Each structure stands twice: as C-alpha cells, then as structure tokens.
C-alpha cells in the first residue's frame, strides 16, 4: 500500500499545474533532475506496457529516495518536481528524452542511489 501511495504522489506531482517556483541549485538541482527524469521515463514506459509493474515500482521508489535527500518540505519537493518535470517534457522530444536518460541514468544511480 505504501508503494501505491508513493507512486500516486509522484504521478500527481508531475501532473499537477505548477504555481510558485521552487528553486534548487547545484547538487540538489542535479538530484531533482535525476528524480524527474526517472519518473517521466518510467511512467512513459509503464504507460506503453514496455515496463513491468515491479520495475516501475522500483523506479518510483528510486525517484522518491532521491527526493527524500533534498532540503525542504514535502510540498516544496513536490512543487519542484512538478516544475522540473514540466520543463523536461516541454523542451524535449521523446527521442531526446530517451537519449538523455541513457546518457545520465547510470550517473544518477551512482551519485544519488549508490
């Protein structure tokens, strides 16, 4: 049940319209970007039935672990994730998104989940 709640929270965070900007800088901004990329790519693959539920859940948990390390309240983190997710989606084609994720995915894992 906890996984379902976290999955729902991440999906809602990416889907809800943004309000006031929350800004992260430096390493925190990198972590936020990794969490957003992971959430977007996993969500898209899962939606296309190209990712099994178990791997999708692991991806959502990994994104949640990265977010947990960021400073701020849960509301600020969700807002920042929403903002970053919208910027990523608005500025990349699906092909660019996949290429970027392939390029940074391993680095994100080593830096923020290792």
PDB file of N, CA and C in Angstrom:
ATOM      1  N   UNK A   1       0.817  -1.192   0.000  1.00  0.00           N
ATOM      2  CA  UNK A   1       0.000   0.000   0.000  1.00  0.00           C
ATOM      3  C   UNK A   1       0.867   1.263   0.000  1.00  0.00           C
ATOM      4  N   UNK A   2       1.979   1.220   0.744  1.00  0.00           N
ATOM      5  CA  UNK A   2       2.856   2.381   0.804  1.00  0.00           C
ATOM      6  C   UNK A   2       3.397   2.713  -0.586  1.00  0.00           C
ATOM      7  N   UNK A   3       3.746   1.673  -1.365  1.00  0.00           N
ATOM      8  CA  UNK A   3       4.247   1.889  -2.720  1.00  0.00           C
ATOM      9  C   UNK A   3       3.188   2.552  -3.584  1.00  0.00           C
ATOM     10  N   UNK A   4       1.942   2.145  -3.424  1.00  0.00           N
ATOM     11  CA  UNK A   4       0.854   2.733  -4.201  1.00  0.00           C
ATOM     12  C   UNK A   4       0.712   4.219  -3.884  1.00  0.00           C
ATOM     13  N   UNK A   5       0.813   4.556  -2.620  1.00  0.00           N
ATOM     14  CA  UNK A   5       0.706   5.959  -2.209  1.00  0.00           C
ATOM     15  C   UNK A   5       1.866   6.768  -2.787  1.00  0.00           C
ATOM     16  N   UNK A   6       3.083   6.229  -2.724  1.00  0.00           N
ATOM     17  CA  UNK A   6       4.237   6.944  -3.256  1.00  0.00           C
ATOM     18  C   UNK A   6       4.144   7.085  -4.765  1.00  0.00           C
ATOM     19  N   UNK A   7       3.678   6.045  -5.427  1.00  0.00           N
ATOM     20  CA  UNK A   7       3.503   6.104  -6.874  1.00  0.00           C
ATOM     21  C   UNK A   7       2.487   7.170  -7.239  1.00  0.00           C
ATOM     22  N   UNK A   8       1.379   7.173  -6.540  1.00  0.00           N
ATOM     23  CA  UNK A   8       0.338   8.162  -6.800  1.00  0.00           C
ATOM     24  C   UNK A   8       0.849   9.572  -6.545  1.00  0.00           C
ATOM     25  N   UNK A   9       1.594   9.752  -5.477  1.00  0.00           N
ATOM     26  CA  UNK A   9       2.137  11.082  -5.156  1.00  0.00           C
ATOM     27  C   UNK A   9       3.085  11.559  -6.242  1.00  0.00           C
ATOM     28  N   UNK A  10       3.948  10.663  -6.740  1.00  0.00           N
ATOM     29  CA  UNK A  10       4.871  11.059  -7.790  1.00  0.00           C
ATOM     30  C   UNK A  10       4.128  11.412  -9.071  1.00  0.00           C
ATOM     31  N   UNK A  11       3.151  10.610  -9.444  1.00  0.00           N
ATOM     32  CA  UNK A  11       2.363  10.888 -10.652  1.00  0.00           C
ATOM     33  C   UNK A  11       1.607  12.204 -10.523  1.00  0.00           C
ATOM     34  N   UNK A  12       1.018  12.436  -9.359  1.00  0.00           N
ATOM     35  CA  UNK A  12       0.305  13.696  -9.144  1.00  0.00           C
ATOM     36  C   UNK A  12       1.254  14.875  -9.161  1.00  0.00           C
ATOM     37  N   UNK A  13       2.433  14.679  -8.608  1.00  0.00           N
ATOM     38  CA  UNK A  13       3.406  15.769  -8.598  1.00  0.00           C
ATOM     39  C   UNK A  13       3.782  16.171 -10.008  1.00  0.00           C
ATOM     40  N   UNK A  14       3.900  15.203 -10.906  1.00  0.00           N
ATOM     41  CA  UNK A  14       4.263  15.522 -12.282  1.00  0.00           C
ATOM     42  C   UNK A  14       3.084  16.044 -13.085  1.00  0.00           C
ATOM     43  N   UNK A  15       1.855  15.715 -12.682  1.00  0.00           N
ATOM     44  CA  UNK A  15       0.680  16.074 -13.475  1.00  0.00           C
ATOM     45  C   UNK A  15       0.017  17.381 -13.053  1.00  0.00           C
ATOM     46  N   UNK A  16       0.215  17.815 -11.824  1.00  0.00           N
ATOM     47  CA  UNK A  16      -0.466  18.995 -11.307  1.00  0.00           C
ATOM     48  C   UNK A  16       0.188  20.269 -11.832  1.00  0.00           C
ATOM     49  N   UNK A  17      -0.607  21.251 -12.239  1.00  0.00           N
ATOM     50  CA  UNK A  17      -0.030  22.504 -12.728  1.00  0.00           C
ATOM     51  C   UNK A  17       0.832  23.190 -11.664  1.00  0.00           C
ATOM     52  N   UNK A  18       1.879  23.829 -12.109  1.00  0.00           N
ATOM     53  CA  UNK A  18       2.807  24.486 -11.195  1.00  0.00           C
ATOM     54  C   UNK A  18       2.243  25.817 -10.708  1.00  0.00           C
ATOM     55  N   UNK A  19       2.664  26.216  -9.515  1.00  0.00           N
ATOM     56  CA  UNK A  19       2.321  27.535  -9.002  1.00  0.00           C
ATOM     57  C   UNK A  19       3.634  28.289  -8.792  1.00  0.00           C
ATOM     58  N   UNK A  20       3.935  28.726  -7.594  1.00  0.00           N
ATOM     59  CA  UNK A  20       5.162  29.475  -7.342  1.00  0.00           C
ATOM     60  C   UNK A  20       6.387  28.591  -7.558  1.00  0.00           C
ATOM     61  N   UNK A  21       7.435  29.178  -8.128  1.00  0.00           N
ATOM     62  CA  UNK A  21       8.652  28.417  -8.392  1.00  0.00           C
ATOM     63  C   UNK A  21       9.381  28.067  -7.106  1.00  0.00           C
ATOM     64  N   UNK A  22       9.862  26.827  -7.062  1.00  0.00           N
ATOM     65  CA  UNK A  22      10.770  26.363  -6.022  1.00  0.00           C
ATOM     66  C   UNK A  22      12.088  26.123  -6.736  1.00  0.00           C
ATOM     67  N   UNK A  23      13.173  26.692  -6.232  1.00  0.00           N
ATOM     68  CA  UNK A  23      14.449  26.630  -6.926  1.00  0.00           C
ATOM     69  C   UNK A  23      15.455  25.845  -6.092  1.00  0.00           C
ATOM     70  N   UNK A  24      16.065  24.862  -6.753  1.00  0.00           N
ATOM     71  CA  UNK A  24      17.191  24.133  -6.176  1.00  0.00           C
ATOM     72  C   UNK A  24      18.408  24.465  -7.021  1.00  0.00           C
ATOM     73  N   UNK A  25      19.565  24.465  -6.394  1.00  0.00           N
ATOM     74  CA  UNK A  25      20.799  24.787  -7.103  1.00  0.00           C
ATOM     75  C   UNK A  25      21.829  23.704  -6.862  1.00  0.00           C
ATOM     76  N   UNK A  26      22.830  23.664  -7.723  1.00  0.00           N
ATOM     77  CA  UNK A  26      23.954  22.756  -7.556  1.00  0.00           C
ATOM     78  C   UNK A  26      23.549  21.300  -7.532  1.00  0.00           C
ATOM     79  N   UNK A  27      24.122  20.576  -6.589  1.00  0.00           N
ATOM     80  CA  UNK A  27      23.883  19.135  -6.472  1.00  0.00           C
ATOM     81  C   UNK A  27      22.410  18.830  -6.220  1.00  0.00           C
ATOM     82  N   UNK A  28      21.731  19.654  -5.464  1.00  0.00           N
ATOM     83  CA  UNK A  28      20.297  19.437  -5.231  1.00  0.00           C
ATOM     84  C   UNK A  28      19.518  19.528  -6.539  1.00  0.00           C
ATOM     85  N   UNK A  29      19.884  20.469  -7.400  1.00  0.00           N
ATOM     86  CA  UNK A  29      19.229  20.590  -8.703  1.00  0.00           C
ATOM     87  C   UNK A  29      19.504  19.354  -9.563  1.00  0.00           C
ATOM     88  N   UNK A  30      20.713  18.830  -9.476  1.00  0.00           N
ATOM     89  CA  UNK A  30      21.036  17.603 -10.210  1.00  0.00           C
ATOM     90  C   UNK A  30      20.191  16.434  -9.717  1.00  0.00           C
ATOM     91  N   UNK A  31      20.042  16.308  -8.414  1.00  0.00           N
ATOM     92  CA  UNK A  31      19.217  15.247  -7.853  1.00  0.00           C
ATOM     93  C   UNK A  31      17.765  15.382  -8.277  1.00  0.00           C
ATOM     94  N   UNK A  32      17.272  16.601  -8.259  1.00  0.00           N
ATOM     95  CA  UNK A  32      15.898  16.852  -8.698  1.00  0.00           C
ATOM     96  C   UNK A  32      15.727  16.452 -10.159  1.00  0.00           C
ATOM     97  N   UNK A  33      16.682  16.807 -10.984  1.00  0.00           N
ATOM     98  CA  UNK A  33      16.614  16.465 -12.402  1.00  0.00           C
ATOM     99  C   UNK A  33      16.619  14.945 -12.584  1.00  0.00           C
ATOM    100  N   UNK A  34      17.462  14.254 -11.866  1.00  0.00           N
ATOM    101  CA  UNK A  34      17.512  12.788 -11.950  1.00  0.00           C
ATOM    102  C   UNK A  34      16.167  12.173 -11.532  1.00  0.00           C
ATOM    103  N   UNK A  35      15.606  12.649 -10.443  1.00  0.00           N
ATOM    104  CA  UNK A  35      14.323  12.116  -9.972  1.00  0.00           C
ATOM    105  C   UNK A  35      13.224  12.368 -11.000  1.00  0.00           C
ATOM    106  N   UNK A  36      13.210  13.559 -11.581  1.00  0.00           N
ATOM    107  CA  UNK A  36      12.189  13.882 -12.579  1.00  0.00           C
ATOM    108  C   UNK A  36      12.366  13.029 -13.836  1.00  0.00           C
ATOM    109  N   UNK A  37      13.591  12.891 -14.311  1.00  0.00           N
ATOM    110  CA  UNK A  37      13.848  12.063 -15.495  1.00  0.00           C
ATOM    111  C   UNK A  37      13.417  10.621 -15.243  1.00  0.00           C
ATOM    112  N   UNK A  38      13.769  10.099 -14.099  1.00  0.00           N
ATOM    113  CA  UNK A  38      13.408   8.724 -13.764  1.00  0.00           C
ATOM    114  C   UNK A  38      11.897   8.560 -13.730  1.00  0.00           C
ATOM    115  N   UNK A  39      11.216   9.495 -13.106  1.00  0.00           N
ATOM    116  CA  UNK A  39       9.756   9.425 -13.031  1.00  0.00           C
ATOM    117  C   UNK A  39       9.096   9.521 -14.388  1.00  0.00           C
ATOM    118  N   UNK A  40       9.573  10.416 -15.226  1.00  0.00           N
ATOM    119  CA  UNK A  40       8.982  10.604 -16.545  1.00  0.00           C
ATOM    120  C   UNK A  40       9.211   9.381 -17.429  1.00  0.00           C
ATOM    121  N   UNK A  41      10.456   8.915 -17.493  1.00  0.00           N
ATOM    122  CA  UNK A  41      10.777   7.791 -18.362  1.00  0.00           C
ATOM    123  C   UNK A  41      10.078   6.522 -17.879  1.00  0.00           C
ATOM    124  N   UNK A  42      10.117   6.262 -16.586  1.00  0.00           N
ATOM    125  CA  UNK A  42       9.446   5.068 -16.062  1.00  0.00           C
ATOM    126  C   UNK A  42       7.942   5.147 -16.292  1.00  0.00           C
ATOM    127  N   UNK A  43       7.368   6.322 -16.064  1.00  0.00           N
ATOM    128  CA  UNK A  43       5.933   6.487 -16.275  1.00  0.00           C
ATOM    129  C   UNK A  43       5.539   6.269 -17.728  1.00  0.00           C
ATOM    130  N   UNK A  44       6.341   6.798 -18.639  1.00  0.00           N
ATOM    131  CA  UNK A  44       6.037   6.641 -20.063  1.00  0.00           C
ATOM    132  C   UNK A  44       6.166   5.187 -20.492  1.00  0.00           C
ATOM    133  N   UNK A  45       7.236   4.531 -20.076  1.00  0.00           N
ATOM    134  CA  UNK A  45       7.426   3.125 -20.444  1.00  0.00           C
ATOM    135  C   UNK A  45       6.332   2.243 -19.848  1.00  0.00           C
ATOM    136  N   UNK A  46       5.968   2.515 -18.618  1.00  0.00           N
ATOM    137  CA  UNK A  46       4.911   1.738 -17.973  1.00  0.00           C
ATOM    138  C   UNK A  46       3.586   1.940 -18.680  1.00  0.00           C
ATOM    139  N   UNK A  47       3.302   3.172 -19.036  1.00  0.00           N
ATOM    140  CA  UNK A  47       2.066   3.500 -19.748  1.00  0.00           C
ATOM    141  C   UNK A  47       1.982   2.781 -21.097  1.00  0.00           C
ATOM    142  N   UNK A  48       3.132   2.591 -21.731  1.00  0.00           N
ATOM    143  CA  UNK A  48       3.192   1.908 -23.023  1.00  0.00           C
ATOM    144  C   UNK A  48       3.296   0.383 -22.869  1.00  0.00           C
ATOM    145  N   UNK A  49       3.168  -0.104 -21.638  1.00  0.00           N
ATOM    146  CA  UNK A  49       3.322  -1.532 -21.333  1.00  0.00           C
ATOM    147  C   UNK A  49       4.699  -2.051 -21.721  1.00  0.00           C
ATOM    148  N   UNK A  50       5.693  -1.182 -21.684  1.00  0.00           N
ATOM    149  CA  UNK A  50       7.063  -1.567 -22.002  1.00  0.00           C
ATOM    150  C   UNK A  50       7.899  -1.751 -20.735  1.00  0.00           C
ATOM    151  N   UNK A  51       7.265  -1.618 -19.585  1.00  0.00           N
ATOM    152  CA  UNK A  51       7.950  -1.795 -18.308  1.00  0.00           C
ATOM    153  C   UNK A  51       7.003  -2.530 -17.377  1.00  0.00           C
ATOM    154  N   UNK A  52       7.459  -3.645 -16.796  1.00  0.00           N
ATOM    155  CA  UNK A  52       6.596  -4.373 -15.873  1.00  0.00           C
ATOM    156  C   UNK A  52       6.319  -3.559 -14.605  1.00  0.00           C
ATOM    157  N   UNK A  53       5.205  -3.867 -13.972  1.00  0.00           N
ATOM    158  CA  UNK A  53       4.805  -3.156 -12.754  1.00  0.00           C
ATOM    159  C   UNK A  53       5.908  -3.144 -11.700  1.00  0.00           C
ATOM    160  N   UNK A  54       6.577  -4.274 -11.521  1.00  0.00           N
ATOM    161  CA  UNK A  54       7.601  -4.359 -10.472  1.00  0.00           C
ATOM    162  C   UNK A  54       8.754  -3.399 -10.744  1.00  0.00           C
ATOM    163  N   UNK A  55       9.201  -3.306 -11.983  1.00  0.00           N
ATOM    164  CA  UNK A  55      10.291  -2.394 -12.322  1.00  0.00           C
ATOM    165  C   UNK A  55       9.826  -0.938 -12.230  1.00  0.00           C
ATOM    166  N   UNK A  56       8.587  -0.694 -12.597  1.00  0.00           N
ATOM    167  CA  UNK A  56       8.025   0.646 -12.466  1.00  0.00           C
ATOM    168  C   UNK A  56       8.011   1.063 -10.990  1.00  0.00           C
ATOM    169  N   UNK A  57       7.578   0.165 -10.138  1.00  0.00           N
ATOM    170  CA  UNK A  57       7.550   0.459  -8.698  1.00  0.00           C
ATOM    171  C   UNK A  57       8.958   0.743  -8.174  1.00  0.00           C
ATOM    172  N   UNK A  58       9.936  -0.026  -8.632  1.00  0.00           N
ATOM    173  CA  UNK A  58      11.323   0.209  -8.215  1.00  0.00           C
ATOM    174  C   UNK A  58      11.810   1.582  -8.686  1.00  0.00           C
ATOM    175  N   UNK A  59      11.424   1.952  -9.880  1.00  0.00           N
ATOM    176  CA  UNK A  59      11.821   3.259 -10.420  1.00  0.00           C
ATOM    177  C   UNK A  59      11.204   4.397  -9.618  1.00  0.00           C
ATOM    178  N   UNK A  60       9.945   4.252  -9.277  1.00  0.00           N
ATOM    179  CA  UNK A  60       9.267   5.267  -8.474  1.00  0.00           C
ATOM    180  C   UNK A  60       9.902   5.361  -7.085  1.00  0.00           C
ATOM    181  N   UNK A  61      10.235   4.220  -6.525  1.00  0.00           N
ATOM    182  CA  UNK A  61      10.890   4.229  -5.214  1.00  0.00           C
ATOM    183  C   UNK A  61      12.255   4.911  -5.295  1.00  0.00           C
ATOM    184  N   UNK A  62      12.997   4.652  -6.371  1.00  0.00           N
ATOM    185  CA  UNK A  62      14.301   5.284  -6.541  1.00  0.00           C
ATOM    186  C   UNK A  62      14.153   6.800  -6.655  1.00  0.00           C
ATOM    187  N   UNK A  63      13.181   7.260  -7.434  1.00  0.00           N
ATOM    188  CA  UNK A  63      12.935   8.700  -7.543  1.00  0.00           C
ATOM    189  C   UNK A  63      12.554   9.280  -6.186  1.00  0.00           C
ATOM    190  N   UNK A  64      11.754   8.559  -5.430  1.00  0.00           N
ATOM    191  CA  UNK A  64      11.354   9.016  -4.095  1.00  0.00           C
ATOM    192  C   UNK A  64      12.549   9.090  -3.155  1.00  0.00           C
ATOM    193  N   UNK A  65      13.469   8.146  -3.265  1.00  0.00           N
ATOM    194  CA  UNK A  65      14.679   8.155  -2.429  1.00  0.00           C
ATOM    195  C   UNK A  65      15.542   9.376  -2.743  1.00  0.00           C
ATOM    196  N   UNK A  66      15.643   9.704  -4.015  1.00  0.00           N
ATOM    197  CA  UNK A  66      16.414  10.889  -4.393  1.00  0.00           C
ATOM    198  C   UNK A  66      15.754  12.143  -3.826  1.00  0.00           C
ATOM    199  N   UNK A  67      14.445  12.241  -3.977  1.00  0.00           N
ATOM    200  CA  UNK A  67      13.726  13.420  -3.458  1.00  0.00           C
ATOM    201  C   UNK A  67      13.862  13.545  -1.947  1.00  0.00           C
ATOM    202  N   UNK A  68      13.877  12.418  -1.253  1.00  0.00           N
ATOM    203  CA  UNK A  68      13.976  12.439   0.211  1.00  0.00           C
ATOM    204  C   UNK A  68      15.262  13.104   0.681  1.00  0.00           C
ATOM    205  N   UNK A  69      16.293  13.082  -0.143  1.00  0.00           N
ATOM    206  CA  UNK A  69      17.589  13.667   0.229  1.00  0.00           C
ATOM    207  C   UNK A  69      17.641  15.177   0.010  1.00  0.00           C
ATOM    208  N   UNK A  70      16.649  15.716  -0.685  1.00  0.00           N
ATOM    209  CA  UNK A  70      16.645  17.155  -0.950  1.00  0.00           C
ATOM    210  C   UNK A  70      16.165  17.937   0.257  1.00  0.00           C
ATOM    211  N   UNK A  71      16.650  19.173   0.416  1.00  0.00           N
ATOM    212  CA  UNK A  71      16.149  20.008   1.508  1.00  0.00           C
ATOM    213  C   UNK A  71      14.744  20.509   1.175  1.00  0.00           C
ATOM    214  N   UNK A  72      14.039  20.900   2.214  1.00  0.00           N
ATOM    215  CA  UNK A  72      12.710  21.482   2.028  1.00  0.00           C
ATOM    216  C   UNK A  72      11.610  20.565   2.500  1.00  0.00           C
ATOM    217  N   UNK A  73      10.420  21.102   2.491  1.00  0.00           N
ATOM    218  CA  UNK A  73       9.249  20.335   2.916  1.00  0.00           C
ATOM    219  C   UNK A  73       8.811  19.407   1.787  1.00  0.00           C
ATOM    220  N   UNK A  74       7.956  18.460   2.117  1.00  0.00           N
ATOM    221  CA  UNK A  74       7.421  17.574   1.089  1.00  0.00           C
ATOM    222  C   UNK A  74       6.692  18.376   0.012  1.00  0.00           C
ATOM    223  N   UNK A  75       5.954  19.389   0.425  1.00  0.00           N
ATOM    224  CA  UNK A  75       5.224  20.225  -0.539  1.00  0.00           C
ATOM    225  C   UNK A  75       6.194  20.950  -1.475  1.00  0.00           C
ATOM    226  N   UNK A  76       7.292  21.467  -0.949  1.00  0.00           N
ATOM    227  CA  UNK A  76       8.283  22.151  -1.787  1.00  0.00           C
ATOM    228  C   UNK A  76       8.943  21.176  -2.761  1.00  0.00           C
ATOM    229  N   UNK A  77       9.242  19.984  -2.289  1.00  0.00           N
ATOM    230  CA  UNK A  77       9.857  18.977  -3.158  1.00  0.00           C
ATOM    231  C   UNK A  77       8.908  18.568  -4.276  1.00  0.00           C
ATOM    232  N   UNK A  78       7.643  18.379  -3.951  1.00  0.00           N
ATOM    233  CA  UNK A  78       6.663  18.016  -4.975  1.00  0.00           C
ATOM    234  C   UNK A  78       6.505  19.131  -5.994  1.00  0.00           C
ATOM    235  N   UNK A  79       6.470  20.366  -5.514  1.00  0.00           N
ATOM    236  CA  UNK A  79       6.360  21.515  -6.410  1.00  0.00           C
ATOM    237  C   UNK A  79       7.575  21.594  -7.328  1.00  0.00           C
ATOM    238  N   UNK A  80       8.749  21.417  -6.771  1.00  0.00           N
ATOM    239  CA  UNK A  80       9.971  21.461  -7.575  1.00  0.00           C
ATOM    240  C   UNK A  80       9.986  20.323  -8.595  1.00  0.00           C
ATOM    241  N   UNK A  81       9.533  19.145  -8.203  1.00  0.00           N
ATOM    242  CA  UNK A  81       9.461  18.006  -9.116  1.00  0.00           C
ATOM    243  C   UNK A  81       8.480  18.287 -10.250  1.00  0.00           C
ATOM    244  N   UNK A  82       7.354  18.850  -9.922  1.00  0.00           N
ATOM    245  CA  UNK A  82       6.359  19.248 -10.929  1.00  0.00           C
ATOM    246  C   UNK A  82       6.970  20.202 -11.942  1.00  0.00           C
ATOM    247  N   UNK A  83       7.608  21.243 -11.422  1.00  0.00           N
ATOM    248  CA  UNK A  83       8.224  22.252 -12.282  1.00  0.00           C
ATOM    249  C   UNK A  83       9.266  21.633 -13.202  1.00  0.00           C
ATOM    250  N   UNK A  84      10.153  20.851 -12.630  1.00  0.00           N
ATOM    251  CA  UNK A  84      11.224  20.252 -13.420  1.00  0.00           C
ATOM    252  C   UNK A  84      10.648  19.292 -14.456  1.00  0.00           C
ATOM    253  N   UNK A  85       9.673  18.493 -14.047  1.00  0.00           N
ATOM    254  CA  UNK A  85       9.044  17.559 -14.967  1.00  0.00           C
ATOM    255  C   UNK A  85       8.406  18.262 -16.147  1.00  0.00           C
ATOM    256  N   UNK A  86       7.712  19.360 -15.890  1.00  0.00           N
ATOM    257  CA  UNK A  86       7.090  20.119 -16.975  1.00  0.00           C
ATOM    258  C   UNK A  86       8.143  20.711 -17.909  1.00  0.00           C
ATOM    259  N   UNK A  87       9.229  21.219 -17.335  1.00  0.00           N
ATOM    260  CA  UNK A  87      10.288  21.783 -18.181  1.00  0.00           C
ATOM    261  C   UNK A  87      10.924  20.704 -19.060  1.00  0.00           C
ATOM    262  N   UNK A  88      11.137  19.544 -18.494  1.00  0.00           N
ATOM    263  CA  UNK A  88      11.725  18.443 -19.269  1.00  0.00           C
ATOM    264  C   UNK A  88      10.796  18.054 -20.412  1.00  0.00           C
ATOM    265  N   UNK A  89       9.552  17.851 -20.117  1.00  0.00           N
ATOM    266  CA  UNK A  89       8.586  17.423 -21.134  1.00  0.00           C
ATOM    267  C   UNK A  89       8.402  18.490 -22.209  1.00  0.00           C
ATOM    268  N   UNK A  90       8.399  19.755 -21.794  1.00  0.00           N
ATOM    269  CA  UNK A  90       8.168  20.846 -22.740  1.00  0.00           C
ATOM    270  C   UNK A  90       9.358  21.142 -23.647  1.00  0.00           C
ATOM    271  N   UNK A  91      10.543  20.677 -23.285  1.00  0.00           N
ATOM    272  CA  UNK A  91      11.742  21.064 -24.034  1.00  0.00           C
ATOM    273  C   UNK A  91      12.442  19.899 -24.734  1.00  0.00           C
ATOM    274  N   UNK A  92      11.854  18.701 -24.691  1.00  0.00           N
ATOM    275  CA  UNK A  92      12.497  17.547 -25.307  1.00  0.00           C
ATOM    276  C   UNK A  92      11.498  16.736 -26.117  1.00  0.00           C
ATOM    277  N   UNK A  93      11.973  16.230 -27.230  1.00  0.00           N
ATOM    278  CA  UNK A  93      11.174  15.265 -27.976  1.00  0.00           C
ATOM    279  C   UNK A  93      11.308  13.927 -27.252  1.00  0.00           C
ATOM    280  N   UNK A  94      10.429  12.968 -27.537  1.00  0.00           N
ATOM    281  CA  UNK A  94      10.598  11.649 -26.919  1.00  0.00           C
ATOM    282  C   UNK A  94      11.980  11.047 -27.187  1.00  0.00           C
ATOM    283  N   UNK A  95      12.496  11.248 -28.376  1.00  0.00           N
ATOM    284  CA  UNK A  95      13.818  10.711 -28.708  1.00  0.00           C
ATOM    285  C   UNK A  95      14.914  11.377 -27.884  1.00  0.00           C
ATOM    286  N   UNK A  96      14.807  12.690 -27.702  1.00  0.00           N
ATOM    287  CA  UNK A  96      15.782  13.415 -26.890  1.00  0.00           C
ATOM    288  C   UNK A  96      15.707  12.974 -25.428  1.00  0.00           C
ATOM    289  N   UNK A  97      14.501  12.736 -24.963  1.00  0.00           N
ATOM    290  CA  UNK A  97      14.308  12.289 -23.588  1.00  0.00           C
ATOM    291  C   UNK A  97      14.995  10.947 -23.353  1.00  0.00           C
ATOM    292  N   UNK A  98      14.786  10.019 -24.262  1.00  0.00           N
ATOM    293  CA  UNK A  98      15.410   8.694 -24.146  1.00  0.00           C
ATOM    294  C   UNK A  98      16.932   8.819 -24.218  1.00  0.00           C
ATOM    295  N   UNK A  99      17.422   9.609 -25.168  1.00  0.00           N
ATOM    296  CA  UNK A  99      18.870   9.779 -25.312  1.00  0.00           C
ATOM    297  C   UNK A  99      19.486  10.388 -24.048  1.00  0.00           C
ATOM    298  N   UNK A 100      18.824  11.382 -23.489  1.00  0.00           N
ATOM    299  CA  UNK A 100      19.344  11.999 -22.266  1.00  0.00           C
ATOM    300  C   UNK A 100      19.322  11.013 -21.109  1.00  0.00           C
ATOM    301  N   UNK A 101      18.234  10.257 -21.000  1.00  0.00           N
ATOM    302  CA  UNK A 101      18.147   9.302 -19.902  1.00  0.00           C
ATOM    303  C   UNK A 101      19.219   8.226 -20.032  1.00  0.00           C
ATOM    304  N   UNK A 102      19.470   7.769 -21.242  1.00  0.00           N
ATOM    305  CA  UNK A 102      20.527   6.774 -21.451  1.00  0.00           C
ATOM    306  C   UNK A 102      21.893   7.344 -21.076  1.00  0.00           C
ATOM    307  N   UNK A 103      22.066   8.618 -21.324  1.00  0.00           N
ATOM    308  CA  UNK A 103      23.340   9.277 -21.029  1.00  0.00           C
ATOM    309  C   UNK A 103      23.545   9.484 -19.525  1.00  0.00           C
ATOM    310  N   UNK A 104      22.504   9.892 -18.812  1.00  0.00           N
ATOM    311  CA  UNK A 104      22.681  10.264 -17.397  1.00  0.00           C
ATOM    312  C   UNK A 104      22.176   9.230 -16.400  1.00  0.00           C
ATOM    313  N   UNK A 105      21.435   8.225 -16.855  1.00  0.00           N
ATOM    314  CA  UNK A 105      20.825   7.267 -15.931  1.00  0.00           C
ATOM    315  C   UNK A 105      21.811   6.588 -15.003  1.00  0.00           C
ATOM    316  N   UNK A 106      22.910   6.106 -15.557  1.00  0.00           N
ATOM    317  CA  UNK A 106      23.931   5.447 -14.729  1.00  0.00           C
ATOM    318  C   UNK A 106      24.567   6.403 -13.744  1.00  0.00           C
ATOM    319  N   UNK A 107      24.847   7.617 -14.219  1.00  0.00           N
ATOM    320  CA  UNK A 107      25.426   8.627 -13.339  1.00  0.00           C
ATOM    321  C   UNK A 107      24.477   8.944 -12.189  1.00  0.00           C
ATOM    322  N   UNK A 108      23.196   9.126 -12.498  1.00  0.00           N
ATOM    323  CA  UNK A 108      22.207   9.422 -11.460  1.00  0.00           C
ATOM    324  C   UNK A 108      22.186   8.314 -10.407  1.00  0.00           C
ATOM    325  N   UNK A 109      22.207   7.078 -10.883  1.00  0.00           N
ATOM    326  CA  UNK A 109      22.188   5.943  -9.959  1.00  0.00           C
ATOM    327  C   UNK A 109      23.413   5.961  -9.055  1.00  0.00           C
ATOM    328  N   UNK A 110      24.591   6.145  -9.641  1.00  0.00           N
ATOM    329  CA  UNK A 110      25.823   6.153  -8.838  1.00  0.00           C
ATOM    330  C   UNK A 110      25.846   7.313  -7.840  1.00  0.00           C
ATOM    331  N   UNK A 111      25.437   8.484  -8.296  1.00  0.00           N
ATOM    332  CA  UNK A 111      25.549   9.685  -7.476  1.00  0.00           C
ATOM    333  C   UNK A 111      24.490   9.793  -6.378  1.00  0.00           C
ATOM    334  N   UNK A 112      23.292   9.327  -6.653  1.00  0.00           N
ATOM    335  CA  UNK A 112      22.196   9.596  -5.723  1.00  0.00           C
ATOM    336  C   UNK A 112      21.571   8.353  -5.092  1.00  0.00           C
ATOM    337  N   UNK A 113      21.912   7.183  -5.594  1.00  0.00           N
ATOM    338  CA  UNK A 113      21.344   5.960  -5.031  1.00  0.00           C
ATOM    339  C   UNK A 113      22.414   4.978  -4.574  1.00  0.00           C
ATOM    340  N   UNK A 114      23.665   5.292  -4.848  1.00  0.00           N
ATOM    341  CA  UNK A 114      24.759   4.379  -4.516  1.00  0.00           C
ATOM    342  C   UNK A 114      25.206   4.455  -3.088  1.00  0.00           C
TER     343      UNK A 114
END
